[in-house]
């Protein structure tokens, strides 16, 4: 008896980098560190049957990769939403200052500019 395998679209698949680097800025994120510490106990309990330390470490690294990737994406999404909101507020505030350059409107514009600039300073 012979077995024949046919692979479709194997040439079209683009491979990404074969390694993963941990985003070190997540280590400064208190929420991420707490999430990782809580998850670690769960993972160690889940993988208690694994007797090979190297395999255990690979499983834990994979879980860290999953959690850090998900957390990083959520954090980036929230940051983009915040930037979009501030940009919309800035646009409205600039229009208000153009129509009525009151002290209150100008102060609000300065506050929004500072907040906007602080977000971009934290990115670098």
PDB file of N, CA and C in Angstrom:
ATOM      1  N   UNK A   1       0.849  -1.164   0.000  1.00  0.00           N
ATOM      2  CA  UNK A   1       0.000   0.000   0.000  1.00  0.00           C
ATOM      3  C   UNK A   1       0.907   1.242   0.000  1.00  0.00           C
ATOM      4  N   UNK A   2       0.615   2.199  -0.869  1.00  0.00           N
ATOM      5  CA  UNK A   2       1.412   3.417  -0.974  1.00  0.00           C
ATOM      6  C   UNK A   2       0.578   4.610  -0.512  1.00  0.00           C
ATOM      7  N   UNK A   3       1.252   5.568   0.070  1.00  0.00           N
ATOM      8  CA  UNK A   3       0.602   6.802   0.517  1.00  0.00           C
ATOM      9  C   UNK A   3       1.182   7.952  -0.300  1.00  0.00           C
ATOM     10  N   UNK A   4       0.294   8.761  -0.856  1.00  0.00           N
ATOM     11  CA  UNK A   4       0.729   9.895  -1.663  1.00  0.00           C
ATOM     12  C   UNK A   4       0.228  11.170  -0.997  1.00  0.00           C
ATOM     13  N   UNK A   5       1.115  12.108  -0.789  1.00  0.00           N
ATOM     14  CA  UNK A   5       0.759  13.403  -0.210  1.00  0.00           C
ATOM     15  C   UNK A   5       0.931  14.489  -1.256  1.00  0.00           C
ATOM     16  N   UNK A   6      -0.049  15.355  -1.360  1.00  0.00           N
ATOM     17  CA  UNK A   6       0.027  16.506  -2.263  1.00  0.00           C
ATOM     18  C   UNK A   6      -0.052  17.767  -1.418  1.00  0.00           C
ATOM     19  N   UNK A   7       0.926  18.647  -1.587  1.00  0.00           N
ATOM     20  CA  UNK A   7       0.968  19.916  -0.865  1.00  0.00           C
ATOM     21  C   UNK A   7       0.612  21.033  -1.832  1.00  0.00           C
ATOM     22  N   UNK A   8      -0.434  21.754  -1.487  1.00  0.00           N
ATOM     23  CA  UNK A   8      -0.850  22.884  -2.310  1.00  0.00           C
ATOM     24  C   UNK A   8      -0.349  24.188  -1.721  1.00  0.00           C
ATOM     25  N   UNK A   9      -0.048  25.129  -2.576  1.00  0.00           N
ATOM     26  CA  UNK A   9       0.316  26.493  -2.187  1.00  0.00           C
ATOM     27  C   UNK A   9       1.552  26.565  -1.293  1.00  0.00           C
ATOM     28  N   UNK A  10       2.412  25.600  -1.386  1.00  0.00           N
ATOM     29  CA  UNK A  10       3.591  25.633  -0.534  1.00  0.00           C
ATOM     30  C   UNK A  10       4.571  26.723  -0.985  1.00  0.00           C
ATOM     31  N   UNK A  11       4.570  27.051  -2.280  1.00  0.00           N
ATOM     32  CA  UNK A  11       5.471  28.083  -2.787  1.00  0.00           C
ATOM     33  C   UNK A  11       5.002  29.483  -2.421  1.00  0.00           C
ATOM     34  N   UNK A  12       3.727  29.663  -2.209  1.00  0.00           N
ATOM     35  CA  UNK A  12       3.165  30.983  -1.933  1.00  0.00           C
ATOM     36  C   UNK A  12       3.324  31.406  -0.477  1.00  0.00           C
ATOM     37  N   UNK A  13       3.553  30.488   0.385  1.00  0.00           N
ATOM     38  CA  UNK A  13       3.634  30.799   1.809  1.00  0.00           C
ATOM     39  C   UNK A  13       4.928  31.548   2.102  1.00  0.00           C
ATOM     40  N   UNK A  14       4.791  32.733   2.697  1.00  0.00           N
ATOM     41  CA  UNK A  14       5.964  33.512   3.060  1.00  0.00           C
ATOM     42  C   UNK A  14       6.268  33.271   4.534  1.00  0.00           C
ATOM     43  N   UNK A  15       7.482  32.927   4.794  1.00  0.00           N
ATOM     44  CA  UNK A  15       7.906  32.659   6.163  1.00  0.00           C
ATOM     45  C   UNK A  15       8.418  33.938   6.805  1.00  0.00           C
ATOM     46  N   UNK A  16       8.109  34.104   8.059  1.00  0.00           N
ATOM     47  CA  UNK A  16       8.608  35.239   8.813  1.00  0.00           C
ATOM     48  C   UNK A  16       9.966  34.897   9.405  1.00  0.00           C
ATOM     49  N   UNK A  17      10.449  35.747  10.283  1.00  0.00           N
ATOM     50  CA  UNK A  17      11.740  35.446  10.909  1.00  0.00           C
ATOM     51  C   UNK A  17      11.621  34.180  11.762  1.00  0.00           C
ATOM     52  N   UNK A  18      12.689  33.451  11.847  1.00  0.00           N
ATOM     53  CA  UNK A  18      12.638  32.176  12.558  1.00  0.00           C
ATOM     54  C   UNK A  18      12.946  32.332  14.043  1.00  0.00           C
ATOM     55  N   UNK A  19      12.968  33.553  14.521  1.00  0.00           N
ATOM     56  CA  UNK A  19      13.234  33.771  15.929  1.00  0.00           C
ATOM     57  C   UNK A  19      12.318  34.869  16.447  1.00  0.00           C
ATOM     58  N   UNK A  20      12.202  34.929  17.751  1.00  0.00           N
ATOM     59  CA  UNK A  20      11.350  35.918  18.388  1.00  0.00           C
ATOM     60  C   UNK A  20      12.170  36.650  19.423  1.00  0.00           C
ATOM     61  N   UNK A  21      12.034  37.960  19.441  1.00  0.00           N
ATOM     62  CA  UNK A  21      12.705  38.767  20.458  1.00  0.00           C
ATOM     63  C   UNK A  21      11.655  39.306  21.414  1.00  0.00           C
ATOM     64  N   UNK A  22      11.931  39.172  22.686  1.00  0.00           N
ATOM     65  CA  UNK A  22      11.024  39.689  23.700  1.00  0.00           C
ATOM     66  C   UNK A  22      11.063  41.208  23.688  1.00  0.00           C
ATOM     67  N   UNK A  23       9.900  41.841  23.711  1.00  0.00           N
ATOM     68  CA  UNK A  23       9.800  43.294  23.770  1.00  0.00           C
ATOM     69  C   UNK A  23      10.097  43.721  25.212  1.00  0.00           C
ATOM     70  N   UNK A  24      11.301  44.196  25.443  1.00  0.00           N
ATOM     71  CA  UNK A  24      11.765  44.502  26.800  1.00  0.00           C
ATOM     72  C   UNK A  24      10.953  45.605  27.462  1.00  0.00           C
ATOM     73  N   UNK A  25      10.297  46.449  26.683  1.00  0.00           N
ATOM     74  CA  UNK A  25       9.491  47.512  27.290  1.00  0.00           C
ATOM     75  C   UNK A  25       8.296  46.934  28.056  1.00  0.00           C
ATOM     76  N   UNK A  26       7.896  45.710  27.709  1.00  0.00           N
ATOM     77  CA  UNK A  26       6.797  45.076  28.445  1.00  0.00           C
ATOM     78  C   UNK A  26       7.196  44.748  29.881  1.00  0.00           C
ATOM     79  N   UNK A  27       8.487  44.575  30.133  1.00  0.00           N
ATOM     80  CA  UNK A  27       8.952  44.271  31.490  1.00  0.00           C
ATOM     81  C   UNK A  27       8.714  45.446  32.435  1.00  0.00           C
ATOM     82  N   UNK A  28       8.552  46.643  31.878  1.00  0.00           N
ATOM     83  CA  UNK A  28       8.281  47.834  32.691  1.00  0.00           C
ATOM     84  C   UNK A  28       6.786  48.059  32.885  1.00  0.00           C
ATOM     85  N   UNK A  29       5.976  47.287  32.198  1.00  0.00           N
ATOM     86  CA  UNK A  29       4.519  47.397  32.279  1.00  0.00           C
ATOM     87  C   UNK A  29       4.023  46.543  33.449  1.00  0.00           C
ATOM     88  N   UNK A  30       3.533  47.205  34.479  1.00  0.00           N
ATOM     89  CA  UNK A  30       3.104  46.513  35.703  1.00  0.00           C
ATOM     90  C   UNK A  30       1.997  45.506  35.394  1.00  0.00           C
ATOM     91  N   UNK A  31       1.067  45.870  34.528  1.00  0.00           N
ATOM     92  CA  UNK A  31      -0.033  44.954  34.187  1.00  0.00           C
ATOM     93  C   UNK A  31       0.484  43.690  33.512  1.00  0.00           C
ATOM     94  N   UNK A  32       1.462  43.841  32.632  1.00  0.00           N
ATOM     95  CA  UNK A  32       2.024  42.683  31.945  1.00  0.00           C
ATOM     96  C   UNK A  32       2.765  41.778  32.911  1.00  0.00           C
ATOM     97  N   UNK A  33       3.566  42.367  33.794  1.00  0.00           N
ATOM     98  CA  UNK A  33       4.339  41.576  34.760  1.00  0.00           C
ATOM     99  C   UNK A  33       3.388  40.801  35.675  1.00  0.00           C
ATOM    100  N   UNK A  34       2.327  41.454  36.109  1.00  0.00           N
ATOM    101  CA  UNK A  34       1.329  40.776  36.952  1.00  0.00           C
ATOM    102  C   UNK A  34       0.676  39.632  36.185  1.00  0.00           C
ATOM    103  N   UNK A  35       0.300  39.890  34.933  1.00  0.00           N
ATOM    104  CA  UNK A  35      -0.319  38.857  34.100  1.00  0.00           C
ATOM    105  C   UNK A  35       0.622  37.671  33.926  1.00  0.00           C
ATOM    106  N   UNK A  36       1.888  37.954  33.685  1.00  0.00           N
ATOM    107  CA  UNK A  36       2.863  36.885  33.482  1.00  0.00           C
ATOM    108  C   UNK A  36       3.069  36.076  34.760  1.00  0.00           C
ATOM    109  N   UNK A  37       3.162  36.757  35.895  1.00  0.00           N
ATOM    110  CA  UNK A  37       3.335  36.046  37.170  1.00  0.00           C
ATOM    111  C   UNK A  37       2.144  35.154  37.487  1.00  0.00           C
ATOM    112  N   UNK A  38       0.944  35.657  37.242  1.00  0.00           N
ATOM    113  CA  UNK A  38      -0.256  34.852  37.491  1.00  0.00           C
ATOM    114  C   UNK A  38      -0.339  33.675  36.529  1.00  0.00           C
ATOM    115  N   UNK A  39       0.042  33.912  35.293  1.00  0.00           N
ATOM    116  CA  UNK A  39      -0.018  32.851  34.280  1.00  0.00           C
ATOM    117  C   UNK A  39       1.019  31.769  34.533  1.00  0.00           C
ATOM    118  N   UNK A  40       2.172  32.161  35.044  1.00  0.00           N
ATOM    119  CA  UNK A  40       3.254  31.205  35.260  1.00  0.00           C
ATOM    120  C   UNK A  40       2.814  30.070  36.189  1.00  0.00           C
ATOM    121  N   UNK A  41       2.123  30.406  37.249  1.00  0.00           N
ATOM    122  CA  UNK A  41       1.643  29.365  38.172  1.00  0.00           C
ATOM    123  C   UNK A  41       0.682  28.410  37.456  1.00  0.00           C
ATOM    124  N   UNK A  42      -0.170  28.961  36.635  1.00  0.00           N
ATOM    125  CA  UNK A  42      -1.124  28.140  35.876  1.00  0.00           C
ATOM    126  C   UNK A  42      -0.390  27.221  34.909  1.00  0.00           C
ATOM    127  N   UNK A  43       0.599  27.767  34.212  1.00  0.00           N
ATOM    128  CA  UNK A  43       1.350  26.960  33.245  1.00  0.00           C
ATOM    129  C   UNK A  43       2.130  25.848  33.920  1.00  0.00           C
ATOM    130  N   UNK A  44       2.771  26.174  35.035  1.00  0.00           N
ATOM    131  CA  UNK A  44       3.531  25.139  35.735  1.00  0.00           C
ATOM    132  C   UNK A  44       2.619  24.013  36.216  1.00  0.00           C
ATOM    133  N   UNK A  45       1.416  24.370  36.654  1.00  0.00           N
ATOM    134  CA  UNK A  45       0.454  23.355  37.076  1.00  0.00           C
ATOM    135  C   UNK A  45      -0.024  22.538  35.870  1.00  0.00           C
ATOM    136  N   UNK A  46      -0.277  23.219  34.760  1.00  0.00           N
ATOM    137  CA  UNK A  46      -0.771  22.540  33.558  1.00  0.00           C
ATOM    138  C   UNK A  46       0.275  21.585  32.995  1.00  0.00           C
ATOM    139  N   UNK A  47       1.544  21.973  33.075  1.00  0.00           N
ATOM    140  CA  UNK A  47       2.621  21.171  32.495  1.00  0.00           C
ATOM    141  C   UNK A  47       3.367  20.345  33.534  1.00  0.00           C
ATOM    142  N   UNK A  48       2.736  20.042  34.669  1.00  0.00           N
ATOM    143  CA  UNK A  48       3.431  19.302  35.722  1.00  0.00           C
ATOM    144  C   UNK A  48       3.794  17.879  35.296  1.00  0.00           C
ATOM    145  N   UNK A  49       3.118  17.365  34.275  1.00  0.00           N
ATOM    146  CA  UNK A  49       3.403  16.014  33.777  1.00  0.00           C
ATOM    147  C   UNK A  49       4.669  15.972  32.927  1.00  0.00           C
ATOM    148  N   UNK A  50       5.124  17.132  32.473  1.00  0.00           N
ATOM    149  CA  UNK A  50       6.316  17.179  31.619  1.00  0.00           C
ATOM    150  C   UNK A  50       7.545  16.980  32.489  1.00  0.00           C
ATOM    151  N   UNK A  51       8.275  15.912  32.214  1.00  0.00           N
ATOM    152  CA  UNK A  51       9.431  15.592  33.058  1.00  0.00           C
ATOM    153  C   UNK A  51      10.735  16.160  32.507  1.00  0.00           C
ATOM    154  N   UNK A  52      10.783  16.456  31.224  1.00  0.00           N
ATOM    155  CA  UNK A  52      11.993  17.004  30.623  1.00  0.00           C
ATOM    156  C   UNK A  52      12.017  18.519  30.792  1.00  0.00           C
ATOM    157  N   UNK A  53      13.049  18.994  31.463  1.00  0.00           N
ATOM    158  CA  UNK A  53      13.156  20.437  31.761  1.00  0.00           C
ATOM    159  C   UNK A  53      13.239  21.279  30.494  1.00  0.00           C
ATOM    160  N   UNK A  54      13.931  20.799  29.484  1.00  0.00           N
ATOM    161  CA  UNK A  54      14.059  21.554  28.242  1.00  0.00           C
ATOM    162  C   UNK A  54      12.702  21.699  27.553  1.00  0.00           C
ATOM    163  N   UNK A  55      11.919  20.630  27.554  1.00  0.00           N
ATOM    164  CA  UNK A  55      10.595  20.689  26.943  1.00  0.00           C
ATOM    165  C   UNK A  55       9.684  21.620  27.743  1.00  0.00           C
ATOM    166  N   UNK A  56       9.788  21.559  29.058  1.00  0.00           N
ATOM    167  CA  UNK A  56       9.009  22.447  29.918  1.00  0.00           C
ATOM    168  C   UNK A  56       9.355  23.904  29.623  1.00  0.00           C
ATOM    169  N   UNK A  57      10.650  24.175  29.516  1.00  0.00           N
ATOM    170  CA  UNK A  57      11.086  25.540  29.227  1.00  0.00           C
ATOM    171  C   UNK A  57      10.575  26.003  27.861  1.00  0.00           C
ATOM    172  N   UNK A  58      10.596  25.124  26.862  1.00  0.00           N
ATOM    173  CA  UNK A  58      10.084  25.482  25.536  1.00  0.00           C
ATOM    174  C   UNK A  58       8.589  25.761  25.574  1.00  0.00           C
ATOM    175  N   UNK A  59       7.855  24.977  26.333  1.00  0.00           N
ATOM    176  CA  UNK A  59       6.414  25.214  26.473  1.00  0.00           C
ATOM    177  C   UNK A  59       6.135  26.556  27.152  1.00  0.00           C
ATOM    178  N   UNK A  60       6.884  26.848  28.182  1.00  0.00           N
ATOM    179  CA  UNK A  60       6.701  28.116  28.904  1.00  0.00           C
ATOM    180  C   UNK A  60       7.095  29.295  28.015  1.00  0.00           C
ATOM    181  N   UNK A  61       8.196  29.154  27.272  1.00  0.00           N
ATOM    182  CA  UNK A  61       8.588  30.221  26.341  1.00  0.00           C
ATOM    183  C   UNK A  61       7.493  30.469  25.310  1.00  0.00           C
ATOM    184  N   UNK A  62       6.880  29.401  24.824  1.00  0.00           N
ATOM    185  CA  UNK A  62       5.799  29.538  23.850  1.00  0.00           C
ATOM    186  C   UNK A  62       4.623  30.297  24.467  1.00  0.00           C
ATOM    187  N   UNK A  63       4.283  29.970  25.697  1.00  0.00           N
ATOM    188  CA  UNK A  63       3.184  30.671  26.377  1.00  0.00           C
ATOM    189  C   UNK A  63       3.538  32.141  26.624  1.00  0.00           C
ATOM    190  N   UNK A  64       4.784  32.408  26.996  1.00  0.00           N
ATOM    191  CA  UNK A  64       5.217  33.803  27.187  1.00  0.00           C
ATOM    192  C   UNK A  64       5.095  34.553  25.870  1.00  0.00           C
ATOM    193  N   UNK A  65       5.496  33.909  24.781  1.00  0.00           N
ATOM    194  CA  UNK A  65       5.373  34.515  23.449  1.00  0.00           C
ATOM    195  C   UNK A  65       3.915  34.849  23.153  1.00  0.00           C
ATOM    196  N   UNK A  66       3.010  33.914  23.426  1.00  0.00           N
ATOM    197  CA  UNK A  66       1.593  34.151  23.164  1.00  0.00           C
ATOM    198  C   UNK A  66       1.065  35.335  23.974  1.00  0.00           C
ATOM    199  N   UNK A  67       1.355  35.322  25.266  1.00  0.00           N
ATOM    200  CA  UNK A  67       0.844  36.369  26.155  1.00  0.00           C
ATOM    201  C   UNK A  67       1.446  37.725  25.805  1.00  0.00           C
ATOM    202  N   UNK A  68       2.751  37.760  25.565  1.00  0.00           N
ATOM    203  CA  UNK A  68       3.390  39.049  25.265  1.00  0.00           C
ATOM    204  C   UNK A  68       2.928  39.594  23.929  1.00  0.00           C
ATOM    205  N   UNK A  69       2.717  38.734  22.968  1.00  0.00           N
ATOM    206  CA  UNK A  69       2.229  39.177  21.662  1.00  0.00           C
ATOM    207  C   UNK A  69       0.816  39.754  21.779  1.00  0.00           C
ATOM    208  N   UNK A  70      -0.043  39.050  22.472  1.00  0.00           N
ATOM    209  CA  UNK A  70      -1.420  39.510  22.649  1.00  0.00           C
ATOM    210  C   UNK A  70      -1.454  40.824  23.437  1.00  0.00           C
ATOM    211  N   UNK A  71      -0.702  40.868  24.525  1.00  0.00           N
ATOM    212  CA  UNK A  71      -0.684  42.070  25.360  1.00  0.00           C
ATOM    213  C   UNK A  71      -0.110  43.260  24.587  1.00  0.00           C
ATOM    214  N   UNK A  72       0.953  43.017  23.840  1.00  0.00           N
ATOM    215  CA  UNK A  72       1.568  44.076  23.048  1.00  0.00           C
ATOM    216  C   UNK A  72       0.625  44.635  21.998  1.00  0.00           C
ATOM    217  N   UNK A  73      -0.120  43.744  21.346  1.00  0.00           N
ATOM    218  CA  UNK A  73      -1.082  44.191  20.337  1.00  0.00           C
ATOM    219  C   UNK A  73      -2.214  44.994  20.972  1.00  0.00           C
ATOM    220  N   UNK A  74      -2.704  44.532  22.117  1.00  0.00           N
ATOM    221  CA  UNK A  74      -3.773  45.270  22.803  1.00  0.00           C
ATOM    222  C   UNK A  74      -3.288  46.638  23.248  1.00  0.00           C
ATOM    223  N   UNK A  75      -2.065  46.695  23.750  1.00  0.00           N
ATOM    224  CA  UNK A  75      -1.490  47.955  24.209  1.00  0.00           C
ATOM    225  C   UNK A  75      -1.316  48.922  23.035  1.00  0.00           C
ATOM    226  N   UNK A  76      -0.837  48.420  21.912  1.00  0.00           N
ATOM    227  CA  UNK A  76      -0.656  49.253  20.720  1.00  0.00           C
ATOM    228  C   UNK A  76      -1.999  49.755  20.198  1.00  0.00           C
ATOM    229  N   UNK A  77      -3.001  48.895  20.249  1.00  0.00           N
ATOM    230  CA  UNK A  77      -4.339  49.287  19.791  1.00  0.00           C
ATOM    231  C   UNK A  77      -4.903  50.408  20.658  1.00  0.00           C
ATOM    232  N   UNK A  78      -4.755  50.281  21.959  1.00  0.00           N
ATOM    233  CA  UNK A  78      -5.230  51.324  22.879  1.00  0.00           C
ATOM    234  C   UNK A  78      -4.482  52.636  22.652  1.00  0.00           C
ATOM    235  N   UNK A  79      -3.166  52.533  22.417  1.00  0.00           N
ATOM    236  CA  UNK A  79      -2.370  53.730  22.169  1.00  0.00           C
ATOM    237  C   UNK A  79      -2.827  54.418  20.874  1.00  0.00           C
ATOM    238  N   UNK A  80      -3.078  53.627  19.820  1.00  0.00           N
ATOM    239  CA  UNK A  80      -3.565  54.200  18.560  1.00  0.00           C
ATOM    240  C   UNK A  80      -4.916  54.875  18.744  1.00  0.00           C
ATOM    241  N   UNK A  81      -5.799  54.247  19.519  1.00  0.00           N
ATOM    242  CA  UNK A  81      -7.106  54.850  19.791  1.00  0.00           C
ATOM    243  C   UNK A  81      -6.949  56.169  20.537  1.00  0.00           C
ATOM    244  N   UNK A  82      -6.050  56.190  21.511  1.00  0.00           N
ATOM    245  CA  UNK A  82      -5.827  57.410  22.282  1.00  0.00           C
ATOM    246  C   UNK A  82      -5.273  58.516  21.394  1.00  0.00           C
ATOM    247  N   UNK A  83      -4.332  58.173  20.515  1.00  0.00           N
ATOM    248  CA  UNK A  83      -3.770  59.161  19.596  1.00  0.00           C
ATOM    249  C   UNK A  83      -4.843  59.696  18.665  1.00  0.00           C
ATOM    250  N   UNK A  84      -5.689  58.812  18.169  1.00  0.00           N
ATOM    251  CA  UNK A  84      -6.775  59.233  17.277  1.00  0.00           C
ATOM    252  C   UNK A  84      -7.726  60.176  18.001  1.00  0.00           C
ATOM    253  N   UNK A  85      -8.054  59.852  19.240  1.00  0.00           N
ATOM    254  CA  UNK A  85      -8.942  60.711  20.031  1.00  0.00           C
ATOM    255  C   UNK A  85      -8.313  62.081  20.281  1.00  0.00           C
ATOM    256  N   UNK A  86      -7.037  62.100  20.629  1.00  0.00           N
ATOM    257  CA  UNK A  86      -6.367  63.372  20.890  1.00  0.00           C
ATOM    258  C   UNK A  86      -6.264  64.196  19.611  1.00  0.00           C
ATOM    259  N   UNK A  87      -5.971  63.529  18.489  1.00  0.00           N
ATOM    260  CA  UNK A  87      -5.898  64.257  17.220  1.00  0.00           C
ATOM    261  C   UNK A  87      -7.244  64.876  16.859  1.00  0.00           C
ATOM    262  N   UNK A  88      -8.323  64.139  17.101  1.00  0.00           N
ATOM    263  CA  UNK A  88      -9.661  64.683  16.829  1.00  0.00           C
ATOM    264  C   UNK A  88      -9.950  65.862  17.757  1.00  0.00           C
ATOM    265  N   UNK A  89      -9.573  65.730  19.011  1.00  0.00           N
ATOM    266  CA  UNK A  89      -9.776  66.828  19.968  1.00  0.00           C
ATOM    267  C   UNK A  89      -8.937  68.041  19.588  1.00  0.00           C
ATOM    268  N   UNK A  90      -7.704  67.794  19.146  1.00  0.00           N
ATOM    269  CA  UNK A  90      -6.837  68.890  18.705  1.00  0.00           C
ATOM    270  C   UNK A  90      -7.450  69.631  17.516  1.00  0.00           C
ATOM    271  N   UNK A  91      -7.958  68.869  16.571  1.00  0.00           N
ATOM    272  CA  UNK A  91      -8.575  69.477  15.385  1.00  0.00           C
ATOM    273  C   UNK A  91      -9.757  70.353  15.789  1.00  0.00           C
ATOM    274  N   UNK A  92     -10.598  69.836  16.670  1.00  0.00           N
ATOM    275  CA  UNK A  92     -11.755  70.598  17.151  1.00  0.00           C
ATOM    276  C   UNK A  92     -11.307  71.839  17.910  1.00  0.00           C
ATOM    277  N   UNK A  93     -10.290  71.676  18.734  1.00  0.00           N
ATOM    278  CA  UNK A  93      -9.802  72.789  19.546  1.00  0.00           C
ATOM    279  C   UNK A  93      -9.177  73.875  18.669  1.00  0.00           C
ATOM    280  N   UNK A  94      -8.446  73.478  17.630  1.00  0.00           N
ATOM    281  CA  UNK A  94      -7.861  74.456  16.710  1.00  0.00           C
ATOM    282  C   UNK A  94      -8.974  75.235  16.005  1.00  0.00           C
ATOM    283  N   UNK A  95     -10.022  74.525  15.606  1.00  0.00           N
ATOM    284  CA  UNK A  95     -11.164  75.195  14.969  1.00  0.00           C
ATOM    285  C   UNK A  95     -11.827  76.173  15.939  1.00  0.00           C
ATOM    286  N   UNK A  96     -11.984  75.756  17.194  1.00  0.00           N
ATOM    287  CA  UNK A  96     -12.575  76.629  18.215  1.00  0.00           C
ATOM    288  C   UNK A  96     -11.707  77.862  18.445  1.00  0.00           C
ATOM    289  N   UNK A  97     -10.382  77.658  18.468  1.00  0.00           N
ATOM    290  CA  UNK A  97      -9.471  78.793  18.665  1.00  0.00           C
ATOM    291  C   UNK A  97      -9.530  79.747  17.468  1.00  0.00           C
ATOM    292  N   UNK A  98      -9.745  79.210  16.289  1.00  0.00           N
ATOM    293  CA  UNK A  98      -9.865  80.045  15.098  1.00  0.00           C
ATOM    294  C   UNK A  98     -11.117  80.896  15.131  1.00  0.00           C
ATOM    295  N   UNK A  99     -12.208  80.312  15.625  1.00  0.00           N
ATOM    296  CA  UNK A  99     -13.475  81.045  15.710  1.00  0.00           C
ATOM    297  C   UNK A  99     -13.501  81.987  16.901  1.00  0.00           C
ATOM    298  N   UNK A 100     -12.978  81.482  18.030  1.00  0.00           N
ATOM    299  CA  UNK A 100     -13.030  82.256  19.269  1.00  0.00           C
ATOM    300  C   UNK A 100     -11.742  82.041  20.051  1.00  0.00           C
ATOM    301  N   UNK A 101     -10.725  82.870  19.831  1.00  0.00           N
ATOM    302  CA  UNK A 101      -9.443  82.665  20.506  1.00  0.00           C
ATOM    303  C   UNK A 101      -9.445  83.127  21.966  1.00  0.00           C
ATOM    304  N   UNK A 102     -10.338  82.528  22.736  1.00  0.00           N
ATOM    305  CA  UNK A 102     -10.425  82.893  24.152  1.00  0.00           C
ATOM    306  C   UNK A 102      -9.289  82.235  24.927  1.00  0.00           C
ATOM    307  N   UNK A 103      -9.043  82.726  26.117  1.00  0.00           N
ATOM    308  CA  UNK A 103      -7.998  82.186  26.978  1.00  0.00           C
ATOM    309  C   UNK A 103      -8.269  80.712  27.309  1.00  0.00           C
ATOM    310  N   UNK A 104      -9.521  80.377  27.542  1.00  0.00           N
ATOM    311  CA  UNK A 104      -9.913  78.993  27.864  1.00  0.00           C
ATOM    312  C   UNK A 104      -9.598  78.065  26.690  1.00  0.00           C
ATOM    313  N   UNK A 105      -9.936  78.483  25.469  1.00  0.00           N
ATOM    314  CA  UNK A 105      -9.666  77.655  24.288  1.00  0.00           C
ATOM    315  C   UNK A 105      -8.165  77.487  24.058  1.00  0.00           C
ATOM    316  N   UNK A 106      -7.409  78.558  24.251  1.00  0.00           N
ATOM    317  CA  UNK A 106      -5.965  78.487  24.061  1.00  0.00           C
ATOM    318  C   UNK A 106      -5.303  77.588  25.108  1.00  0.00           C
ATOM    319  N   UNK A 107      -5.794  77.630  26.332  1.00  0.00           N
ATOM    320  CA  UNK A 107      -5.266  76.759  27.386  1.00  0.00           C
ATOM    321  C   UNK A 107      -5.567  75.293  27.079  1.00  0.00           C
ATOM    322  N   UNK A 108      -6.782  75.054  26.619  1.00  0.00           N
ATOM    323  CA  UNK A 108      -7.167  73.685  26.251  1.00  0.00           C
ATOM    324  C   UNK A 108      -6.285  73.169  25.104  1.00  0.00           C
ATOM    325  N   UNK A 109      -5.994  74.037  24.133  1.00  0.00           N
ATOM    326  CA  UNK A 109      -5.134  73.664  23.015  1.00  0.00           C
ATOM    327  C   UNK A 109      -3.730  73.314  23.507  1.00  0.00           C
ATOM    328  N   UNK A 110      -3.183  74.084  24.408  1.00  0.00           N
ATOM    329  CA  UNK A 110      -1.853  73.803  24.952  1.00  0.00           C
ATOM    330  C   UNK A 110      -1.828  72.481  25.713  1.00  0.00           C
ATOM    331  N   UNK A 111      -2.866  72.222  26.489  1.00  0.00           N
ATOM    332  CA  UNK A 111      -2.948  70.961  27.240  1.00  0.00           C
ATOM    333  C   UNK A 111      -2.969  69.772  26.286  1.00  0.00           C
ATOM    334  N   UNK A 112      -3.763  69.873  25.231  1.00  0.00           N
ATOM    335  CA  UNK A 112      -3.838  68.785  24.249  1.00  0.00           C
ATOM    336  C   UNK A 112      -2.514  68.603  23.515  1.00  0.00           C
ATOM    337  N   UNK A 113      -1.842  69.693  23.182  1.00  0.00           N
ATOM    338  CA  UNK A 113      -0.539  69.592  22.521  1.00  0.00           C
ATOM    339  C   UNK A 113       0.471  68.892  23.422  1.00  0.00           C
ATOM    340  N   UNK A 114       0.472  69.233  24.699  1.00  0.00           N
ATOM    341  CA  UNK A 114       1.392  68.590  25.641  1.00  0.00           C
ATOM    342  C   UNK A 114       1.099  67.096  25.764  1.00  0.00           C
ATOM    343  N   UNK A 115      -0.168  66.753  25.850  1.00  0.00           N
ATOM    344  CA  UNK A 115      -0.559  65.342  25.955  1.00  0.00           C
ATOM    345  C   UNK A 115      -0.162  64.579  24.699  1.00  0.00           C
ATOM    346  N   UNK A 116      -0.390  65.192  23.548  1.00  0.00           N
ATOM    347  CA  UNK A 116      -0.043  64.577  22.264  1.00  0.00           C
ATOM    348  C   UNK A 116       1.473  64.362  22.170  1.00  0.00           C
ATOM    349  N   UNK A 117       2.251  65.374  22.533  1.00  0.00           N
ATOM    350  CA  UNK A 117       3.703  65.264  22.482  1.00  0.00           C
ATOM    351  C   UNK A 117       4.239  64.236  23.476  1.00  0.00           C
ATOM    352  N   UNK A 118       3.612  64.134  24.637  1.00  0.00           N
ATOM    353  CA  UNK A 118       4.081  63.167  25.645  1.00  0.00           C
ATOM    354  C   UNK A 118       3.874  61.732  25.174  1.00  0.00           C
ATOM    355  N   UNK A 119       2.819  61.484  24.423  1.00  0.00           N
ATOM    356  CA  UNK A 119       2.587  60.144  23.895  1.00  0.00           C
ATOM    357  C   UNK A 119       3.723  59.775  22.940  1.00  0.00           C
ATOM    358  N   UNK A 120       4.094  60.683  22.060  1.00  0.00           N
ATOM    359  CA  UNK A 120       5.159  60.386  21.110  1.00  0.00           C
ATOM    360  C   UNK A 120       6.536  60.339  21.768  1.00  0.00           C
ATOM    361  N   UNK A 121       6.743  61.070  22.841  1.00  0.00           N
ATOM    362  CA  UNK A 121       8.013  60.968  23.564  1.00  0.00           C
ATOM    363  C   UNK A 121       8.149  59.609  24.231  1.00  0.00           C
ATOM    364  N   UNK A 122       7.021  59.055  24.696  1.00  0.00           N
ATOM    365  CA  UNK A 122       7.045  57.743  25.346  1.00  0.00           C
ATOM    366  C   UNK A 122       7.254  56.608  24.359  1.00  0.00           C
ATOM    367  N   UNK A 123       6.981  56.855  23.078  1.00  0.00           N
ATOM    368  CA  UNK A 123       7.177  55.820  22.067  1.00  0.00           C
ATOM    369  C   UNK A 123       8.636  55.563  21.769  1.00  0.00           C
ATOM    370  N   UNK A 124       9.449  56.590  21.882  1.00  0.00           N
ATOM    371  CA  UNK A 124      10.859  56.416  21.525  1.00  0.00           C
ATOM    372  C   UNK A 124      11.712  56.020  22.694  1.00  0.00           C
TER     373      UNK A 124
END
